[in-house]
Amino acid sequence: MTKKRLSLRMSEKRLNKLRAYAAKRDKTITSLLEDWIDLLPQEEIDKNPSVKN
């Protein structure tokens, strides 16, 4: 699987909150986001034809 890069903008306050959450759980922000994305129901992805698997 080819890795892709995602860039997003958020407030410094939110970024700090996310960093603290990740550090407390000894995880990277990337792994947290991947875990959260994996929790999304598959049918939601299948309904959107613009999403490529």
N, C-alpha and C. Protein backbone atom coordinates (compact mmCIF):
# COMPACT_ATOMS: atom_id res chain seq x y z
N MET A 1 0.84 -1.18 0.00
CA MET A 1 0.00 0.00 0.00
C MET A 1 0.89 1.25 0.00
N THR A 2 0.57 2.15 -0.88
CA THR A 2 1.30 3.41 -0.96
C THR A 2 0.78 4.37 0.09
N LYS A 3 1.68 4.99 0.81
CA LYS A 3 1.29 5.97 1.83
C LYS A 3 1.07 7.32 1.17
N LYS A 4 0.07 8.02 1.60
CA LYS A 4 -0.24 9.37 1.12
C LYS A 4 -0.14 10.33 2.29
N ARG A 5 0.05 11.58 1.99
CA ARG A 5 0.17 12.62 3.01
C ARG A 5 -1.13 13.40 3.10
N LEU A 6 -1.52 13.73 4.32
CA LEU A 6 -2.71 14.54 4.57
C LEU A 6 -2.27 15.78 5.32
N SER A 7 -2.71 16.91 4.84
CA SER A 7 -2.39 18.18 5.49
C SER A 7 -3.68 18.83 5.94
N LEU A 8 -3.72 19.32 7.14
CA LEU A 8 -4.90 20.02 7.61
C LEU A 8 -4.50 21.17 8.51
N ARG A 9 -5.44 22.08 8.66
CA ARG A 9 -5.20 23.25 9.49
C ARG A 9 -6.10 23.20 10.70
N MET A 10 -5.53 23.56 11.83
CA MET A 10 -6.31 23.63 13.06
C MET A 10 -5.67 24.64 13.98
N SER A 11 -6.42 25.03 14.96
CA SER A 11 -5.89 26.01 15.91
C SER A 11 -4.76 25.38 16.72
N GLU A 12 -3.90 26.22 17.23
CA GLU A 12 -2.80 25.75 18.07
C GLU A 12 -3.33 25.05 19.32
N LYS A 13 -4.44 25.56 19.84
CA LYS A 13 -5.05 24.95 21.02
C LYS A 13 -5.48 23.51 20.73
N ARG A 14 -6.12 23.29 19.59
CA ARG A 14 -6.53 21.93 19.22
C ARG A 14 -5.33 21.03 18.96
N LEU A 15 -4.32 21.56 18.29
CA LEU A 15 -3.12 20.78 18.02
C LEU A 15 -2.46 20.36 19.33
N ASN A 16 -2.35 21.27 20.27
CA ASN A 16 -1.75 20.94 21.56
C ASN A 16 -2.57 19.89 22.30
N LYS A 17 -3.88 20.00 22.20
CA LYS A 17 -4.77 19.02 22.82
C LYS A 17 -4.55 17.64 22.20
N LEU A 18 -4.45 17.60 20.88
CA LEU A 18 -4.21 16.35 20.17
C LEU A 18 -2.85 15.76 20.52
N ARG A 19 -1.83 16.59 20.58
CA ARG A 19 -0.49 16.12 20.96
C ARG A 19 -0.48 15.54 22.36
N ALA A 20 -1.15 16.21 23.29
CA ALA A 20 -1.21 15.74 24.67
C ALA A 20 -1.96 14.40 24.74
N TYR A 21 -3.05 14.28 24.01
CA TYR A 21 -3.83 13.04 23.98
C TYR A 21 -2.96 11.90 23.46
N ALA A 22 -2.24 12.15 22.37
CA ALA A 22 -1.38 11.13 21.77
C ALA A 22 -0.25 10.74 22.73
N ALA A 23 0.37 11.72 23.34
CA ALA A 23 1.48 11.45 24.25
C ALA A 23 1.03 10.63 25.46
N LYS A 24 -0.13 10.97 25.99
CA LYS A 24 -0.66 10.25 27.16
C LYS A 24 -0.89 8.78 26.83
N ARG A 25 -1.23 8.50 25.58
CA ARG A 25 -1.51 7.13 25.15
C ARG A 25 -0.30 6.48 24.47
N ASP A 26 0.84 7.19 24.47
CA ASP A 26 2.07 6.70 23.85
C ASP A 26 1.84 6.29 22.40
N LYS A 27 1.17 7.17 21.65
CA LYS A 27 0.88 6.95 20.24
C LYS A 27 1.27 8.18 19.45
N THR A 28 1.40 8.00 18.14
CA THR A 28 1.61 9.15 17.27
C THR A 28 0.26 9.71 16.86
N ILE A 29 0.26 10.94 16.41
CA ILE A 29 -0.98 11.54 15.91
C ILE A 29 -1.46 10.74 14.69
N THR A 30 -0.55 10.31 13.86
CA THR A 30 -0.91 9.50 12.70
C THR A 30 -1.64 8.23 13.12
N SER A 31 -1.11 7.53 14.11
CA SER A 31 -1.76 6.28 14.53
C SER A 31 -3.13 6.55 15.15
N LEU A 32 -3.28 7.65 15.87
CA LEU A 32 -4.59 8.01 16.41
C LEU A 32 -5.59 8.24 15.29
N LEU A 33 -5.20 9.02 14.29
CA LEU A 33 -6.10 9.32 13.18
C LEU A 33 -6.44 8.06 12.39
N GLU A 34 -5.46 7.20 12.17
CA GLU A 34 -5.74 5.95 11.46
C GLU A 34 -6.72 5.09 12.26
N ASP A 35 -6.54 5.01 13.56
CA ASP A 35 -7.46 4.25 14.42
C ASP A 35 -8.87 4.81 14.32
N TRP A 36 -9.00 6.13 14.40
CA TRP A 36 -10.32 6.76 14.34
C TRP A 36 -10.97 6.54 12.98
N ILE A 37 -10.20 6.64 11.91
CA ILE A 37 -10.73 6.42 10.57
C ILE A 37 -11.19 4.98 10.42
N ASP A 38 -10.43 4.05 10.98
CA ASP A 38 -10.80 2.64 10.90
C ASP A 38 -12.11 2.34 11.62
N LEU A 39 -12.51 3.18 12.55
CA LEU A 39 -13.78 2.99 13.26
C LEU A 39 -14.99 3.42 12.44
N LEU A 40 -14.78 4.15 11.36
CA LEU A 40 -15.89 4.58 10.51
C LEU A 40 -16.55 3.37 9.87
N PRO A 41 -17.88 3.38 9.80
CA PRO A 41 -18.57 2.26 9.15
C PRO A 41 -18.20 2.16 7.67
N GLN A 42 -17.98 0.97 7.20
CA GLN A 42 -17.57 0.75 5.81
C GLN A 42 -18.61 1.26 4.82
N GLU A 43 -19.91 1.10 5.12
CA GLU A 43 -20.92 1.53 4.17
C GLU A 43 -20.88 3.02 3.90
N GLU A 44 -20.43 3.81 4.84
CA GLU A 44 -20.30 5.25 4.62
C GLU A 44 -19.27 5.53 3.52
N ILE A 45 -18.22 4.76 3.49
CA ILE A 45 -17.19 4.93 2.48
C ILE A 45 -17.71 4.45 1.12
N ASP A 46 -18.42 3.32 1.11
CA ASP A 46 -18.93 2.74 -0.14
C ASP A 46 -19.95 3.63 -0.82
N LYS A 47 -20.69 4.44 -0.06
CA LYS A 47 -21.72 5.30 -0.63
C LYS A 47 -21.14 6.49 -1.37
N ASN A 48 -19.89 6.83 -1.12
CA ASN A 48 -19.27 8.01 -1.73
C ASN A 48 -18.41 7.57 -2.90
N PRO A 49 -18.89 7.73 -4.14
CA PRO A 49 -18.13 7.26 -5.30
C PRO A 49 -16.84 8.01 -5.54
N SER A 50 -16.66 9.16 -4.90
CA SER A 50 -15.42 9.90 -5.12
C SER A 50 -14.27 9.38 -4.27
N VAL A 51 -14.56 8.51 -3.30
CA VAL A 51 -13.54 7.95 -2.44
C VAL A 51 -12.97 6.71 -3.11
N LYS A 52 -11.66 6.71 -3.29
CA LYS A 52 -10.97 5.56 -3.90
C LYS A 52 -10.31 4.74 -2.80
N ASN A 53 -10.53 3.44 -2.79
CA ASN A 53 -9.91 2.57 -1.78
C ASN A 53 -8.54 2.16 -2.19
